[in-house]
Protein backbone atom coordinates (compact mmCIF):
# COMPACT_ATOMS: atom_id res chain seq x y z
CA MET A 1 4.95 -64.80 10.97
CA GLU A 2 7.99 -64.09 13.12
CA THR A 3 8.05 -60.90 15.17
CA GLN A 4 10.78 -58.29 14.83
CA GLY A 5 12.06 -59.29 18.29
CA GLY A 6 12.09 -62.97 17.29
CA LYS A 7 14.03 -62.15 14.14
CA ARG A 8 16.52 -60.11 16.16
CA PHE A 9 17.02 -62.95 18.60
CA THR A 10 17.46 -65.53 15.82
CA TRP A 11 19.83 -63.27 13.95
CA LEU A 12 21.80 -62.46 17.11
CA ILE A 13 22.18 -66.15 17.99
CA LYS A 14 23.37 -66.96 14.45
CA SER A 15 25.81 -64.05 14.53
CA LEU A 16 27.16 -64.93 17.95
CA SER A 17 27.60 -68.55 16.89
CA SER A 18 29.59 -67.52 13.85
CA TRP A 19 31.65 -65.08 15.91
CA LEU A 20 32.41 -67.75 18.51
CA SER A 21 33.53 -70.19 15.83
CA TYR A 22 35.65 -67.44 14.34
CA ILE A 23 37.20 -66.55 17.70
CA TYR A 24 38.07 -70.13 18.55
CA SER A 25 39.24 -71.24 15.12
CA ASP A 26 42.87 -71.65 14.15
CA ALA A 27 42.39 -68.95 11.51
CA SER A 28 41.44 -66.56 14.27
CA GLU A 29 44.69 -67.22 16.14
CA GLU A 30 46.67 -66.50 13.00
CA SER A 31 44.75 -63.31 12.30
CA GLU A 32 45.20 -62.11 15.89
CA THR A 33 48.97 -62.01 15.40
CA GLU A 34 48.44 -60.05 12.19
CA SER A 35 45.90 -57.59 13.61
CA MET A 36 46.54 -53.91 14.09
CA ASP A 37 45.08 -51.45 16.58
CA VAL A 38 42.89 -48.71 15.14
CA SER A 39 41.17 -46.49 17.72
CA GLY A 40 41.13 -49.30 20.28
CA PHE A 41 39.89 -52.00 17.90
CA GLN A 42 42.08 -54.86 16.71
CA VAL A 43 41.48 -55.22 12.98
CA LEU A 44 43.01 -57.16 10.14
CA PRO A 45 45.46 -55.33 7.89
CA SER A 46 42.89 -55.47 5.09
CA GLN A 47 40.40 -53.60 7.32
CA VAL A 48 42.75 -50.90 8.65
CA GLU A 49 42.02 -48.30 5.97
CA SER A 50 38.25 -48.83 6.16
CA VAL A 51 38.23 -48.49 9.96
CA ARG A 52 40.45 -45.40 9.81
CA GLN A 53 38.07 -43.81 7.30
CA ILE A 54 35.09 -44.57 9.55
CA PHE A 55 36.77 -42.92 12.55
CA LYS A 56 37.95 -40.00 10.41
CA ARG A 57 34.42 -39.30 9.12
CA HIS A 58 32.67 -40.18 12.39
CA PRO A 59 35.12 -39.56 15.25
CA ASN A 60 32.47 -40.04 17.97
CA ILE A 61 31.17 -43.34 16.62
CA ALA A 62 32.47 -45.44 19.53
CA VAL A 63 32.47 -42.89 22.37
CA GLU A 64 29.62 -44.70 24.13
CA PHE A 65 30.67 -48.21 23.11
CA ARG A 66 30.74 -50.26 26.31
CA ALA A 67 32.41 -53.58 25.50
CA LYS A 68 35.80 -53.99 27.16
CA ASN A 69 36.48 -57.58 26.05
CA GLN A 70 38.70 -57.36 22.97
CA HIS A 71 36.97 -60.32 21.27
CA LEU A 72 33.60 -58.61 21.62
CA ARG A 73 35.08 -55.32 20.45
CA ASN A 74 36.51 -57.04 17.39
CA ALA A 75 33.25 -58.84 16.71
CA CYS A 76 31.30 -55.58 16.89
CA MET A 77 33.74 -53.87 14.55
CA ASP A 78 33.49 -56.78 12.11
CA PHE A 79 29.76 -56.46 12.45
CA LEU A 80 29.89 -52.74 11.62
CA LEU A 81 32.15 -53.35 8.61
CA SER A 82 29.85 -56.12 7.35
CA LEU A 83 26.83 -53.85 7.67
CA ILE A 84 28.56 -51.08 5.72
CA GLU A 85 29.63 -53.59 3.08
CA THR A 86 26.05 -54.86 2.83
CA LEU A 87 24.67 -51.36 2.33
CA CYS A 88 27.20 -50.73 -0.43
CA GLN A 89 25.90 -53.63 -2.52
CA SER A 90 23.80 -52.94 -5.58
CA LEU A 91 20.04 -52.96 -5.15
CA GLU A 92 19.79 -56.02 -7.38
CA ASP A 93 22.03 -57.96 -5.00
CA LEU A 94 20.08 -56.95 -1.89
CA SER A 95 16.97 -58.90 -0.93
CA ASN A 96 14.24 -57.65 1.37
CA GLU A 97 15.50 -60.14 3.94
CA ASP A 98 18.99 -58.58 3.69
CA LEU A 99 17.47 -55.19 4.50
CA VAL A 100 15.53 -56.60 7.45
CA GLU A 101 18.74 -58.15 8.78
CA ALA A 102 20.62 -54.89 8.18
CA ASP A 103 17.97 -53.10 10.22
CA ILE A 104 18.42 -55.63 13.03
CA ALA A 105 22.21 -55.28 12.83
CA LEU A 106 21.92 -51.51 13.03
CA THR A 107 19.73 -51.79 16.12
CA TYR A 108 22.27 -54.14 17.70
CA LEU A 109 25.12 -51.70 17.02
CA LYS A 110 23.12 -48.79 18.46
CA ASP A 111 22.28 -50.88 21.54
CA ALA A 112 25.98 -51.71 21.93
CA GLY A 113 26.75 -47.98 22.08
CA PHE A 114 27.82 -47.12 18.55
CA LYS A 115 26.64 -43.77 17.23
CA VAL A 116 25.47 -44.79 13.79
CA ASP A 117 22.82 -42.22 12.87
CA TRP A 118 24.62 -41.67 9.57
CA LEU A 119 24.38 -45.40 8.84
CA GLU A 120 20.71 -45.40 9.76
CA LYS A 121 20.13 -42.64 7.17
CA LYS A 122 22.03 -44.68 4.60
CA LEU A 123 19.89 -47.74 5.39
CA ASP A 124 16.71 -45.67 5.06
CA ILE A 125 17.87 -44.43 1.66
CA VAL A 126 18.72 -47.96 0.51
CA LYS A 127 15.35 -49.28 1.73
CA PHE A 128 13.55 -46.42 -0.07
CA LYS A 129 15.46 -47.10 -3.29
CA LYS A 130 14.72 -50.83 -3.00
CA GLN A 131 11.00 -50.14 -2.54
CA LYS A 132 11.09 -47.76 -5.50
CA GLU A 133 12.87 -50.40 -7.57
CA GLN A 134 10.30 -53.04 -6.66
CA PHE A 135 7.43 -50.65 -7.42
CA SER A 136 9.00 -49.78 -10.78
CA LEU A 137 9.55 -53.44 -11.62
CA ALA A 138 5.92 -54.25 -10.76
CA ARG A 139 4.73 -51.31 -12.84
CA LEU A 140 6.96 -52.34 -15.73
CA GLN A 141 5.55 -55.87 -15.57
CA LYS A 142 2.01 -54.45 -15.65
CA MET A 143 2.89 -52.32 -18.69
CA GLU A 144 4.45 -55.31 -20.46
CA ASP A 145 1.30 -57.35 -19.78
CA SER A 146 -0.86 -54.52 -21.14
CA LEU A 147 1.37 -54.21 -24.19
CA LEU A 148 1.11 -57.93 -24.83
CA GLU A 149 -2.68 -57.70 -24.55
CA LEU A 150 -2.74 -54.74 -26.96
CA LYS A 151 -0.53 -56.60 -29.42
CA GLN A 152 -2.95 -59.53 -29.28
CA GLN A 153 -5.88 -57.17 -29.90
CA CYS A 154 -4.02 -55.65 -32.88
CA SER A 155 -3.33 -59.11 -34.24
CA ASP A 156 -7.00 -60.02 -33.85
CA LEU A 157 -8.05 -56.80 -35.62
CA ASP A 158 -5.58 -57.44 -38.44
CA ALA A 159 -7.09 -60.89 -38.94
CA LEU A 160 -10.61 -59.39 -38.94
CA VAL A 161 -9.58 -56.74 -41.50
CA GLU A 162 -8.06 -59.39 -43.76
CA LYS A 163 -11.23 -61.45 -43.52
CA GLU A 164 -13.40 -58.43 -44.38
CA GLU A 165 -11.15 -57.56 -47.29
CA GLU A 166 -11.38 -61.09 -48.66
CA GLU A 167 -15.15 -60.98 -48.41
CA PHE A 168 -15.22 -57.53 -49.99
CA ARG A 169 -13.04 -58.40 -53.00
CA PRO A 170 -15.48 -60.74 -54.78
CA GLN A 171 -18.24 -58.21 -54.19
CA GLU A 172 -16.05 -55.48 -55.63
CA LEU A 173 -15.17 -57.63 -58.64
CA LEU A 174 -18.84 -58.41 -59.27
CA CYS A 175 -19.71 -54.72 -59.00
CA HIS A 176 -16.91 -53.79 -61.37
CA LEU A 177 -18.04 -56.42 -63.90
CA MET A 178 -21.62 -55.18 -63.71
CA MET A 179 -20.48 -51.65 -64.41
CA LEU A 180 -18.49 -52.87 -67.40
CA PHE A 181 -21.44 -54.83 -68.66
CA ASP A 182 -23.65 -51.75 -68.29
CA ASP A 183 -21.10 -49.68 -70.22
CA LEU A 184 -20.93 -52.26 -73.01
CA SER A 185 -24.67 -52.60 -73.29
CA SER A 186 -25.21 -48.90 -73.58
């Protein structure tokens, strides 16, 4: 099993690789000309409102952020936006692996100097809800299995009752005939 540090390293390498390809792609050059400055971060027009809202709600989020290179600053902001987007997904869409990666991403952002305590609380809530969902689903499955077993037992008992009734009917008929015969003979 991989360690938390090993997962962080693997995830970081994958993320950096994707960021580097993004930075050096032609699409990146086009988006750079379209980017806008929001609190010292160059973001795409589609991200401007989200970034403004983040800085409005959490004005000190990047006070201790140390990266001076604009590409790294942009990558970290994209990273933050992706993490927020991930945490806004429905529980059904989030896997346990997604939550592990979100935890790693959060640690990376904190290490980079972002003040994201509020995001850490959100992640804890999402992880708790996911655990609760998984527990409930397991419990529901157990109840469904028990219900199926009970239905089978009921079916078996119904069959046993029918069998007893069939065996009882001829006896009842014979008894009834004997009583009639006794009444006629008296």
